Amino acid sequence: MLKKAWYNDIMHVLTKEEVIKIKIAIISDVHGNSIALREVLKSAEKNNVDEYVFLGDLINDFPMGNETLELVKSRTQYVLRGNKEQYLIELEDEKYDWPNVQFKNTLFMLNELTDENKEYIRHLPISMSLDFDGYKILFCHGSPTSVEELLYVDNNEILDHYTKELKEDALIFGHTHERMWERYINNKLVINAGCCGVCPYYIGVAEYVILTIEHGEMLQVEFKRVKYDINEVKEAVIKSGILEQDKVLMNLTYGSISGHGIMRHKFLSECKNEMIKRRGKTFLDGAKGIYTYFKLYDDDIWLGMVDKFKNEFTFK
């Protein structure tokens, strides 16, 4: 039996040889952390992985976007778009020029990308159905219908909704930055593939999943955690020049991988609460599309929160 894939209902033949056993690495939420991704790819190679699937949010949080995308493109064509890619796509289209300090980070991420990579992310699908010798998996970033929607482990109602009519045998996604998990719902395997690039539960640890499928059956699901050098990430951030635009986001993002994940969560939650008190919403006037999901804070809120958390910041 041939191994096949469907992109928006268009079938694509992956290989011509009969598939007996295959190992697939599922990698989600790299967020521009090319250092973490390199170590994950080394681990996958040691585990004799045959194929890779990337679930989106490849870039945009750490400023190593081009290096990250080159690593991804060198491994596979099975790559999805996440909300972080969608931000950059719509920013290029709408040409938002909000003066907020926080927004300078997003502008930096877009301008850092080569034209080739800007075009590459624009054509990534939001979901993908793959058939491995009869075992079918639907992959997405957030949910099957949205790069923004969050499917948490305890969201029983929404998980029931997406699995009740699921044609595939499994549904696999990322986006929430929860620890990796698996459940069976409506006799469907549901997996959250965790977070490769900004996992907030450890210090310098990337998560990914390896699936082993044999004769059309799911033989094994392995949750993998891989160490990487956070000092190398720190040096890459400094070298990139992004700190000349804004140190706050880089402190929050670096904090996520260096033992201060709770700090990032508290900082952003308090900014959100202050913005809602002031405006009744977290996006600015004129925002359209995914930018009504993007949380953009007034400068006095964004910068004013620094004093409360600065003792946990790395970049002064």
C-alpha atoms as a PDB file:
ATOM      1  CA  MET A   1       0.000   0.000   0.000  1.00  0.00           C
ATOM      2  CA  LEU A   2       1.240   3.460  -0.846  1.00  0.00           C
ATOM      3  CA  LYS A   3       1.830   6.116   1.761  1.00  0.00           C
ATOM      4  CA  LYS A   4      -0.254   9.136   0.793  1.00  0.00           C
ATOM      5  CA  ALA A   5      -1.077  12.623   1.956  1.00  0.00           C
ATOM      6  CA  TRP A   6      -3.935  15.032   1.435  1.00  0.00           C
ATOM      7  CA  TYR A   7      -3.528  18.816   1.311  1.00  0.00           C
ATOM      8  CA  ASN A   8      -6.964  20.424   1.237  1.00  0.00           C
ATOM      9  CA  ASP A   9      -8.446  17.257  -0.312  1.00  0.00           C
ATOM     10  CA  ILE A  10      -5.706  16.914  -2.950  1.00  0.00           C
ATOM     11  CA  MET A  11      -3.951  13.555  -2.760  1.00  0.00           C
ATOM     12  CA  HIS A  12      -0.162  13.464  -3.011  1.00  0.00           C
ATOM     13  CA  VAL A  13       1.900  10.250  -3.233  1.00  0.00           C
ATOM     14  CA  LEU A  14       4.769  10.309  -0.776  1.00  0.00           C
ATOM     15  CA  THR A  15       6.619   7.141  -1.691  1.00  0.00           C
ATOM     16  CA  LYS A  16       6.243   4.321  -4.153  1.00  0.00           C
ATOM     17  CA  GLU A  17       7.552   1.536  -1.962  1.00  0.00           C
ATOM     18  CA  GLU A  18       5.279  -0.488   0.301  1.00  0.00           C
ATOM     19  CA  VAL A  19       5.150   0.921   3.802  1.00  0.00           C
ATOM     20  CA  ILE A  20       5.625  -1.665   6.545  1.00  0.00           C
ATOM     21  CA  LYS A  21       6.933   0.352   9.483  1.00  0.00           C
ATOM     22  CA  ILE A  22       7.596   4.063   9.765  1.00  0.00           C
ATOM     23  CA  LYS A  23       8.749   6.420  12.513  1.00  0.00           C
ATOM     24  CA  ILE A  24       7.519  10.009  12.351  1.00  0.00           C
ATOM     25  CA  ALA A  25       8.829  12.967  14.365  1.00  0.00           C
ATOM     26  CA  ILE A  26       6.145  15.523  15.226  1.00  0.00           C
ATOM     27  CA  ILE A  27       7.585  18.947  16.091  1.00  0.00           C
ATOM     28  CA  SER A  28       5.517  21.955  17.102  1.00  0.00           C
ATOM     29  CA  ASP A  29       6.058  25.530  18.254  1.00  0.00           C
ATOM     30  CA  VAL A  30       9.731  26.119  17.490  1.00  0.00           C
ATOM     31  CA  HIS A  31       9.198  29.905  17.714  1.00  0.00           C
ATOM     32  CA  GLY A  32      12.504  30.734  16.040  1.00  0.00           C
ATOM     33  CA  ASN A  33      14.603  28.759  18.524  1.00  0.00           C
ATOM     34  CA  SER A  34      16.929  27.189  15.974  1.00  0.00           C
ATOM     35  CA  ILE A  35      19.285  26.027  18.738  1.00  0.00           C
ATOM     36  CA  ALA A  36      16.565  23.884  20.315  1.00  0.00           C
ATOM     37  CA  LEU A  37      15.476  22.626  16.902  1.00  0.00           C
ATOM     38  CA  ARG A  38      18.984  21.496  15.960  1.00  0.00           C
ATOM     39  CA  GLU A  39      19.149  19.320  19.076  1.00  0.00           C
ATOM     40  CA  VAL A  40      15.703  17.885  18.408  1.00  0.00           C
ATOM     41  CA  LEU A  41      16.737  16.964  14.866  1.00  0.00           C
ATOM     42  CA  LYS A  42      19.864  15.258  16.183  1.00  0.00           C
ATOM     43  CA  SER A  43      17.728  13.276  18.615  1.00  0.00           C
ATOM     44  CA  ALA A  44      15.284  12.306  15.876  1.00  0.00           C
ATOM     45  CA  GLU A  45      18.138  11.081  13.686  1.00  0.00           C
ATOM     46  CA  LYS A  46      19.527   8.966  16.550  1.00  0.00           C
ATOM     47  CA  ASN A  47      16.046   7.479  16.909  1.00  0.00           C
ATOM     48  CA  ASN A  48      16.029   6.528  13.208  1.00  0.00           C
ATOM     49  CA  VAL A  49      13.088   8.736  12.299  1.00  0.00           C
ATOM     50  CA  ASP A  50      11.886   8.292   8.698  1.00  0.00           C
ATOM     51  CA  GLU A  51       9.680  11.351   8.315  1.00  0.00           C
ATOM     52  CA  TYR A  52       9.033  14.732   9.942  1.00  0.00           C
ATOM     53  CA  VAL A  53       5.882  16.802  10.386  1.00  0.00           C
ATOM     54  CA  PHE A  54       6.030  20.386  11.684  1.00  0.00           C
ATOM     55  CA  LEU A  55       2.869  21.811  13.235  1.00  0.00           C
ATOM     56  CA  GLY A  56       3.423  25.545  12.825  1.00  0.00           C
ATOM     57  CA  ASP A  57       4.697  28.481  14.876  1.00  0.00           C
ATOM     58  CA  LEU A  58       8.079  27.764  13.343  1.00  0.00           C
ATOM     59  CA  ILE A  59       9.218  31.362  13.826  1.00  0.00           C
ATOM     60  CA  ASN A  60       8.406  34.621  15.607  1.00  0.00           C
ATOM     61  CA  ASP A  61       9.380  34.927  19.294  1.00  0.00           C
ATOM     62  CA  PHE A  62      13.090  34.295  19.015  1.00  0.00           C
ATOM     63  CA  PRO A  63      14.751  36.183  16.144  1.00  0.00           C
ATOM     64  CA  MET A  64      16.485  33.219  14.446  1.00  0.00           C
ATOM     65  CA  GLY A  65      13.748  32.803  11.850  1.00  0.00           C
ATOM     66  CA  ASN A  66      15.795  32.216   8.703  1.00  0.00           C
ATOM     67  CA  GLU A  67      18.025  29.590  10.296  1.00  0.00           C
ATOM     68  CA  THR A  68      14.956  27.846  11.711  1.00  0.00           C
ATOM     69  CA  LEU A  69      13.166  27.761   8.370  1.00  0.00           C
ATOM     70  CA  GLU A  70      16.232  26.438   6.561  1.00  0.00           C
ATOM     71  CA  LEU A  71      16.448  23.561   9.043  1.00  0.00           C
ATOM     72  CA  VAL A  72      12.753  22.801   8.569  1.00  0.00           C
ATOM     73  CA  LYS A  73      12.912  22.941   4.777  1.00  0.00           C
ATOM     74  CA  SER A  74      15.939  20.648   4.735  1.00  0.00           C
ATOM     75  CA  ARG A  75      13.976  17.880   6.468  1.00  0.00           C
ATOM     76  CA  THR A  76      10.488  17.712   4.991  1.00  0.00           C
ATOM     77  CA  GLN A  77       7.713  19.219   2.937  1.00  0.00           C
ATOM     78  CA  TYR A  78       5.115  18.371   5.583  1.00  0.00           C
ATOM     79  CA  VAL A  79       4.919  21.715   7.326  1.00  0.00           C
ATOM     80  CA  LEU A  80       1.960  23.676   8.667  1.00  0.00           C
ATOM     81  CA  ARG A  81       1.315  27.345   9.296  1.00  0.00           C
ATOM     82  CA  GLY A  82       0.662  28.580  12.846  1.00  0.00           C
ATOM     83  CA  ASN A  83      -0.672  31.843  14.197  1.00  0.00           C
ATOM     84  CA  LYS A  84       2.879  33.227  14.404  1.00  0.00           C
ATOM     85  CA  GLU A  85       3.337  32.814  10.646  1.00  0.00           C
ATOM     86  CA  GLN A  86      -0.128  34.268  10.061  1.00  0.00           C
ATOM     87  CA  TYR A  87       0.825  37.400  12.008  1.00  0.00           C
ATOM     88  CA  LEU A  88       3.726  38.029   9.648  1.00  0.00           C
ATOM     89  CA  ILE A  89       1.719  37.229   6.513  1.00  0.00           C
ATOM     90  CA  GLU A  90      -1.054  39.655   7.444  1.00  0.00           C
ATOM     91  CA  LEU A  91       1.406  42.282   8.648  1.00  0.00           C
ATOM     92  CA  GLU A  92       3.056  42.247   5.227  1.00  0.00           C
ATOM     93  CA  ASP A  93      -0.349  42.506   3.531  1.00  0.00           C
ATOM     94  CA  GLU A  94      -1.932  45.157   5.771  1.00  0.00           C
ATOM     95  CA  LYS A  95       1.275  47.098   6.493  1.00  0.00           C
ATOM     96  CA  TYR A  96       0.276  47.995  10.033  1.00  0.00           C
ATOM     97  CA  ASP A  97       2.522  50.732  11.416  1.00  0.00           C
ATOM     98  CA  TRP A  98       1.442  50.934  15.047  1.00  0.00           C
ATOM     99  CA  PRO A  99       4.090  52.825  17.036  1.00  0.00           C
ATOM    100  CA  ASN A 100       3.862  50.581  20.122  1.00  0.00           C
ATOM    101  CA  VAL A 101       7.238  49.446  21.451  1.00  0.00           C
ATOM    102  CA  GLN A 102       5.935  45.889  21.749  1.00  0.00           C
ATOM    103  CA  PHE A 103       5.010  45.876  18.038  1.00  0.00           C
ATOM    104  CA  LYS A 104       8.614  46.600  17.058  1.00  0.00           C
ATOM    105  CA  ASN A 105       9.353  42.954  17.864  1.00  0.00           C
ATOM    106  CA  THR A 106       6.870  41.738  15.264  1.00  0.00           C
ATOM    107  CA  LEU A 107       8.204  44.182  12.669  1.00  0.00           C
ATOM    108  CA  PHE A 108      11.729  42.938  13.405  1.00  0.00           C
ATOM    109  CA  MET A 109      10.668  39.306  12.922  1.00  0.00           C
ATOM    110  CA  LEU A 110       9.134  40.108   9.542  1.00  0.00           C
ATOM    111  CA  ASN A 111      12.010  42.246   8.291  1.00  0.00           C
ATOM    112  CA  GLU A 112      14.541  39.628   9.374  1.00  0.00           C
ATOM    113  CA  LEU A 113      13.102  37.042   6.978  1.00  0.00           C
ATOM    114  CA  THR A 114      14.442  36.653   3.452  1.00  0.00           C
ATOM    115  CA  ASP A 115      11.987  37.219   0.610  1.00  0.00           C
ATOM    116  CA  GLU A 116      12.179  33.499  -0.121  1.00  0.00           C
ATOM    117  CA  ASN A 117      11.151  32.611   3.414  1.00  0.00           C
ATOM    118  CA  LYS A 118       8.355  35.185   3.451  1.00  0.00           C
ATOM    119  CA  GLU A 119       6.965  33.507   0.364  1.00  0.00           C
ATOM    120  CA  TYR A 120       7.505  30.054   1.878  1.00  0.00           C
ATOM    121  CA  ILE A 121       5.396  30.676   4.995  1.00  0.00           C
ATOM    122  CA  ARG A 122       2.656  32.286   2.906  1.00  0.00           C
ATOM    123  CA  HIS A 123       1.957  28.984   1.142  1.00  0.00           C
ATOM    124  CA  LEU A 124       1.913  26.697   4.182  1.00  0.00           C
ATOM    125  CA  PRO A 125      -1.440  24.971   4.830  1.00  0.00           C
ATOM    126  CA  ILE A 126      -3.271  25.212   8.179  1.00  0.00           C
ATOM    127  CA  SER A 127      -4.037  21.492   8.319  1.00  0.00           C
ATOM    128  CA  MET A 128      -2.878  18.298   6.668  1.00  0.00           C
ATOM    129  CA  SER A 129      -4.173  14.728   6.513  1.00  0.00           C
ATOM    130  CA  LEU A 130      -1.597  11.963   6.071  1.00  0.00           C
ATOM    131  CA  ASP A 131      -2.236   8.286   5.444  1.00  0.00           C
ATOM    132  CA  PHE A 132       0.477   5.898   6.645  1.00  0.00           C
ATOM    133  CA  ASP A 133      -0.316   2.493   5.193  1.00  0.00           C
ATOM    134  CA  GLY A 134      -3.947   2.848   6.217  1.00  0.00           C
ATOM    135  CA  TYR A 135      -3.472   4.758   9.495  1.00  0.00           C
ATOM    136  CA  LYS A 136      -4.784   8.268   8.937  1.00  0.00           C
ATOM    137  CA  ILE A 137      -3.757  11.333  10.958  1.00  0.00           C
ATOM    138  CA  LEU A 138      -5.099  14.878  10.811  1.00  0.00           C
ATOM    139  CA  PHE A 139      -2.420  17.406  11.755  1.00  0.00           C
ATOM    140  CA  CYS A 140      -3.067  21.058  12.627  1.00  0.00           C
ATOM    141  CA  HIS A 141      -1.562  23.847  14.711  1.00  0.00           C
ATOM    142  CA  GLY A 142      -4.428  25.109  16.848  1.00  0.00           C
ATOM    143  CA  SER A 143      -7.504  23.201  15.719  1.00  0.00           C
ATOM    144  CA  PRO A 144      -8.646  21.665  12.410  1.00  0.00           C
ATOM    145  CA  THR A 145     -10.351  24.940  11.480  1.00  0.00           C
ATOM    146  CA  SER A 146      -8.205  27.656  13.053  1.00  0.00           C
ATOM    147  CA  VAL A 147      -4.559  28.488  13.778  1.00  0.00           C
ATOM    148  CA  GLU A 148      -5.765  30.509  16.778  1.00  0.00           C
ATOM    149  CA  GLU A 149      -8.035  28.078  18.621  1.00  0.00           C
ATOM    150  CA  LEU A 150      -6.607  26.487  21.763  1.00  0.00           C
ATOM    151  CA  LEU A 151      -7.367  22.833  22.519  1.00  0.00           C
ATOM    152  CA  TYR A 152      -6.378  22.174  26.122  1.00  0.00           C
ATOM    153  CA  VAL A 153      -6.272  18.716  27.655  1.00  0.00           C
ATOM    154  CA  ASP A 154      -9.354  19.388  29.787  1.00  0.00           C
ATOM    155  CA  ASN A 155     -11.443  21.039  27.030  1.00  0.00           C
ATOM    156  CA  ASN A 156     -13.710  18.009  26.879  1.00  0.00           C
ATOM    157  CA  GLU A 157     -16.558  19.646  24.993  1.00  0.00           C
ATOM    158  CA  ILE A 158     -14.458  21.065  22.168  1.00  0.00           C
ATOM    159  CA  LEU A 159     -12.304  17.933  21.916  1.00  0.00           C
ATOM    160  CA  ASP A 160     -15.482  15.876  21.672  1.00  0.00           C
ATOM    161  CA  HIS A 161     -16.687  18.185  18.910  1.00  0.00           C
ATOM    162  CA  TYR A 162     -13.559  17.734  16.794  1.00  0.00           C
ATOM    163  CA  THR A 163     -13.279  13.957  17.251  1.00  0.00           C
ATOM    164  CA  LYS A 164     -16.942  12.981  16.934  1.00  0.00           C
ATOM    165  CA  GLU A 165     -16.979  13.285  13.148  1.00  0.00           C
ATOM    166  CA  LEU A 166     -13.235  12.869  12.595  1.00  0.00           C
ATOM    167  CA  LYS A 167     -12.568  10.733   9.515  1.00  0.00           C
ATOM    168  CA  GLU A 168      -8.948  10.098  10.485  1.00  0.00           C
ATOM    169  CA  ASP A 169      -7.733   7.752  13.215  1.00  0.00           C
ATOM    170  CA  ALA A 170      -5.855  10.478  15.104  1.00  0.00           C
ATOM    171  CA  LEU A 171      -5.787  14.241  15.637  1.00  0.00           C
ATOM    172  CA  ILE A 172      -2.422  15.866  16.486  1.00  0.00           C
ATOM    173  CA  PHE A 173      -1.771  19.546  17.236  1.00  0.00           C
ATOM    174  CA  GLY A 174       0.273  21.971  19.366  1.00  0.00           C
ATOM    175  CA  HIS A 175      -0.185  25.710  20.073  1.00  0.00           C
ATOM    176  CA  THR A 176      -1.136  25.562  23.788  1.00  0.00           C
ATOM    177  CA  HIS A 177       2.432  25.074  25.124  1.00  0.00           C
ATOM    178  CA  GLU A 178       1.093  22.465  27.526  1.00  0.00           C
ATOM    179  CA  ARG A 179       3.207  19.472  28.415  1.00  0.00           C
ATOM    180  CA  MET A 180       2.785  16.722  25.834  1.00  0.00           C
ATOM    181  CA  TRP A 181      -0.298  14.573  26.341  1.00  0.00           C
ATOM    182  CA  GLU A 182      -2.408  11.900  24.668  1.00  0.00           C
ATOM    183  CA  ARG A 183      -6.007  10.840  25.133  1.00  0.00           C
ATOM    184  CA  TYR A 184      -8.508   8.604  23.373  1.00  0.00           C
ATOM    185  CA  ILE A 185     -11.743  10.473  22.678  1.00  0.00           C
ATOM    186  CA  ASN A 186     -14.570   8.938  20.659  1.00  0.00           C
ATOM    187  CA  ASN A 187     -12.159   6.104  19.831  1.00  0.00           C
ATOM    188  CA  LYS A 188      -9.760   8.592  18.234  1.00  0.00           C
ATOM    189  CA  LEU A 189      -6.193   9.160  19.377  1.00  0.00           C
ATOM    190  CA  VAL A 190      -5.655  12.814  20.332  1.00  0.00           C
ATOM    191  CA  ILE A 191      -2.120  14.134  20.931  1.00  0.00           C
ATOM    192  CA  ASN A 192      -0.766  17.510  21.928  1.00  0.00           C
ATOM    193  CA  ALA A 193       2.823  17.518  20.628  1.00  0.00           C
ATOM    194  CA  GLY A 194       4.099  19.978  23.228  1.00  0.00           C
ATOM    195  CA  CYS A 195       6.516  22.805  22.541  1.00  0.00           C
ATOM    196  CA  CYS A 196       9.974  22.639  20.992  1.00  0.00           C
ATOM    197  CA  GLY A 197      11.233  26.200  21.234  1.00  0.00           C
ATOM    198  CA  VAL A 198       9.784  27.954  24.296  1.00  0.00           C
ATOM    199  CA  CYS A 199       8.707  25.153  26.616  1.00  0.00           C
ATOM    200  CA  PRO A 200       8.079  26.894  29.970  1.00  0.00           C
ATOM    201  CA  TYR A 201       8.268  23.876  32.296  1.00  0.00           C
ATOM    202  CA  TYR A 202      11.998  23.172  32.180  1.00  0.00           C
ATOM    203  CA  ILE A 203      15.332  24.912  31.732  1.00  0.00           C
ATOM    204  CA  GLY A 204      16.664  24.453  28.203  1.00  0.00           C
ATOM    205  CA  VAL A 205      14.480  21.492  27.240  1.00  0.00           C
ATOM    206  CA  ALA A 206      12.682  20.967  23.925  1.00  0.00           C
ATOM    207  CA  GLU A 207       9.730  18.610  23.469  1.00  0.00           C
ATOM    208  CA  TYR A 208       8.716  16.541  20.471  1.00  0.00           C
ATOM    209  CA  VAL A 209       6.866  13.299  19.702  1.00  0.00           C
ATOM    210  CA  ILE A 210       7.864  10.170  17.805  1.00  0.00           C
ATOM    211  CA  LEU A 211       5.133   7.959  16.356  1.00  0.00           C
ATOM    212  CA  THR A 212       5.826   4.403  15.257  1.00  0.00           C
ATOM    213  CA  ILE A 213       3.266   2.993  12.824  1.00  0.00           C
ATOM    214  CA  GLU A 214       3.482  -0.587  11.614  1.00  0.00           C
ATOM    215  CA  HIS A 215       1.161  -2.305   9.134  1.00  0.00           C
ATOM    216  CA  GLY A 216      -1.345   0.510   9.480  1.00  0.00           C
ATOM    217  CA  GLU A 217      -1.481   0.372  13.290  1.00  0.00           C
ATOM    218  CA  MET A 218      -0.177   2.858  15.868  1.00  0.00           C
ATOM    219  CA  LEU A 219       2.512   0.786  17.539  1.00  0.00           C
ATOM    220  CA  GLN A 220       4.032   3.400  19.883  1.00  0.00           C
ATOM    221  CA  VAL A 221       3.774   7.062  20.922  1.00  0.00           C
ATOM    222  CA  GLU A 222       6.974   8.391  22.510  1.00  0.00           C
ATOM    223  CA  PHE A 223       7.232  11.748  24.266  1.00  0.00           C
ATOM    224  CA  LYS A 224      10.782  13.056  23.864  1.00  0.00           C
ATOM    225  CA  ARG A 225      12.567  15.779  25.835  1.00  0.00           C
ATOM    226  CA  VAL A 226      15.919  17.077  24.621  1.00  0.00           C
ATOM    227  CA  LYS A 227      18.405  19.375  26.361  1.00  0.00           C
ATOM    228  CA  TYR A 228      19.969  22.357  24.575  1.00  0.00           C
ATOM    229  CA  ASP A 229      22.277  25.224  25.509  1.00  0.00           C
ATOM    230  CA  ILE A 230      20.300  28.285  26.617  1.00  0.00           C
ATOM    231  CA  ASN A 231      23.496  30.348  26.664  1.00  0.00           C
ATOM    232  CA  GLU A 232      23.796  29.755  22.938  1.00  0.00           C
ATOM    233  CA  VAL A 233      20.250  31.071  22.580  1.00  0.00           C
ATOM    234  CA  LYS A 234      21.168  34.105  24.658  1.00  0.00           C
ATOM    235  CA  GLU A 235      24.166  34.880  22.434  1.00  0.00           C
ATOM    236  CA  ALA A 236      22.047  34.487  19.292  1.00  0.00           C
ATOM    237  CA  VAL A 237      19.480  36.955  20.661  1.00  0.00           C
ATOM    238  CA  ILE A 238      22.189  39.525  21.450  1.00  0.00           C
ATOM    239  CA  LYS A 239      23.815  39.069  18.041  1.00  0.00           C
ATOM    240  CA  SER A 240      20.515  39.496  16.187  1.00  0.00           C
ATOM    241  CA  GLY A 241      20.132  43.165  17.156  1.00  0.00           C
ATOM    242  CA  ILE A 242      16.527  42.813  18.360  1.00  0.00           C
ATOM    243  CA  LEU A 243      17.409  44.146  21.808  1.00  0.00           C
ATOM    244  CA  GLU A 244      17.928  47.564  20.228  1.00  0.00           C
ATOM    245  CA  GLN A 245      14.185  47.576  19.480  1.00  0.00           C
ATOM    246  CA  ASP A 246      12.765  46.218  22.742  1.00  0.00           C
ATOM    247  CA  LYS A 247      14.219  44.150  25.558  1.00  0.00           C
ATOM    248  CA  VAL A 248      10.918  43.247  27.206  1.00  0.00           C
ATOM    249  CA  LEU A 249       9.676  40.522  24.863  1.00  0.00           C
ATOM    250  CA  MET A 250      13.094  38.908  24.665  1.00  0.00           C
ATOM    251  CA  ASN A 251      13.287  38.852  28.456  1.00  0.00           C
ATOM    252  CA  LEU A 252       9.873  37.187  28.624  1.00  0.00           C
ATOM    253  CA  THR A 253      10.692  34.690  25.880  1.00  0.00           C
ATOM    254  CA  TYR A 254      14.133  33.865  27.228  1.00  0.00           C
ATOM    255  CA  GLY A 255      12.573  33.601  30.674  1.00  0.00           C
ATOM    256  CA  SER A 256      10.334  30.823  29.357  1.00  0.00           C
ATOM    257  CA  ILE A 257      13.335  28.593  28.649  1.00  0.00           C
ATOM    258  CA  SER A 258      15.477  29.601  31.615  1.00  0.00           C
ATOM    259  CA  GLY A 259      13.239  28.800  34.556  1.00  0.00           C
ATOM    260  CA  HIS A 260      10.966  31.857  34.586  1.00  0.00           C
ATOM    261  CA  GLY A 261       7.988  30.575  32.629  1.00  0.00           C
ATOM    262  CA  ILE A 262       5.569  31.645  35.361  1.00  0.00           C
ATOM    263  CA  MET A 263       6.996  35.160  35.197  1.00  0.00           C
ATOM    264  CA  ARG A 264       6.118  35.431  31.491  1.00  0.00           C
ATOM    265  CA  HIS A 265       2.596  34.185  32.156  1.00  0.00           C
ATOM    266  CA  LYS A 266       2.034  36.660  35.011  1.00  0.00           C
ATOM    267  CA  PHE A 267       3.514  39.591  33.088  1.00  0.00           C
ATOM    268  CA  LEU A 268       1.313  39.045  30.040  1.00  0.00           C
ATOM    269  CA  SER A 269      -1.787  38.279  32.112  1.00  0.00           C
ATOM    270  CA  GLU A 270      -1.426  41.530  34.053  1.00  0.00           C
ATOM    271  CA  CYS A 271      -0.874  43.490  30.838  1.00  0.00           C
ATOM    272  CA  LYS A 272      -4.005  41.908  29.385  1.00  0.00           C
ATOM    273  CA  ASN A 273      -6.082  42.778  32.440  1.00  0.00           C
ATOM    274  CA  GLU A 274      -4.897  46.390  32.407  1.00  0.00           C
ATOM    275  CA  MET A 275      -5.636  46.725  28.692  1.00  0.00           C
ATOM    276  CA  ILE A 276      -9.148  45.345  29.091  1.00  0.00           C
ATOM    277  CA  LYS A 277      -9.839  47.757  31.946  1.00  0.00           C
ATOM    278  CA  ARG A 278      -8.724  50.630  29.746  1.00  0.00           C
ATOM    279  CA  ARG A 279     -10.086  49.736  26.304  1.00  0.00           C
ATOM    280  CA  GLY A 280     -12.383  46.768  26.843  1.00  0.00           C
ATOM    281  CA  LYS A 281     -10.248  44.790  24.382  1.00  0.00           C
ATOM    282  CA  THR A 282      -6.637  43.765  23.804  1.00  0.00           C
ATOM    283  CA  PHE A 283      -6.230  44.893  20.194  1.00  0.00           C
ATOM    284  CA  LEU A 284      -5.960  48.328  18.661  1.00  0.00           C
ATOM    285  CA  ASP A 285      -8.394  50.214  16.480  1.00  0.00           C
ATOM    286  CA  GLY A 286      -7.921  49.326  12.836  1.00  0.00           C
ATOM    287  CA  ALA A 287      -6.899  45.729  13.542  1.00  0.00           C
ATOM    288  CA  LYS A 288      -8.367  43.137  11.183  1.00  0.00           C
ATOM    289  CA  GLY A 289      -8.143  39.371  10.732  1.00  0.00           C
ATOM    290  CA  ILE A 290      -5.724  37.639  13.040  1.00  0.00           C
ATOM    291  CA  TYR A 291      -4.705  40.970  14.549  1.00  0.00           C
ATOM    292  CA  THR A 292      -7.969  40.972  16.516  1.00  0.00           C
ATOM    293  CA  TYR A 293      -6.442  37.909  18.240  1.00  0.00           C
ATOM    294  CA  PHE A 294      -2.986  39.488  18.596  1.00  0.00           C
ATOM    295  CA  LYS A 295      -2.635  41.136  22.017  1.00  0.00           C
ATOM    296  CA  LEU A 296      -0.970  44.530  21.641  1.00  0.00           C
ATOM    297  CA  TYR A 297      -0.558  46.683  24.728  1.00  0.00           C
ATOM    298  CA  ASP A 298      -0.175  50.431  25.186  1.00  0.00           C
ATOM    299  CA  ASP A 299       3.415  51.481  25.888  1.00  0.00           C
ATOM    300  CA  ASP A 300       2.758  52.657  29.425  1.00  0.00           C
ATOM    301  CA  ILE A 301       1.251  49.260  30.259  1.00  0.00           C
ATOM    302  CA  TRP A 302       3.968  47.243  28.473  1.00  0.00           C
ATOM    303  CA  LEU A 303       6.911  49.237  29.813  1.00  0.00           C
ATOM    304  CA  GLY A 304       5.266  50.070  33.109  1.00  0.00           C
ATOM    305  CA  MET A 305       5.057  46.387  34.026  1.00  0.00           C
ATOM    306  CA  VAL A 306       8.850  46.070  33.803  1.00  0.00           C
ATOM    307  CA  ASP A 307       9.570  47.414  37.293  1.00  0.00           C
ATOM    308  CA  LYS A 308       7.498  44.642  38.832  1.00  0.00           C
ATOM    309  CA  PHE A 309       9.420  41.864  37.063  1.00  0.00           C
ATOM    310  CA  LYS A 310      12.825  43.310  36.197  1.00  0.00           C
ATOM    311  CA  ASN A 311      14.675  41.244  38.830  1.00  0.00           C
ATOM    312  CA  GLU A 312      13.879  38.160  36.746  1.00  0.00           C
ATOM    313  CA  PHE A 313      15.042  39.745  33.473  1.00  0.00           C
ATOM    314  CA  THR A 314      18.264  38.657  31.777  1.00  0.00           C
ATOM    315  CA  PHE A 315      18.711  41.480  29.263  1.00  0.00           C
ATOM    316  CA  LYS A 316      19.143  44.753  31.169  1.00  0.00           C
END
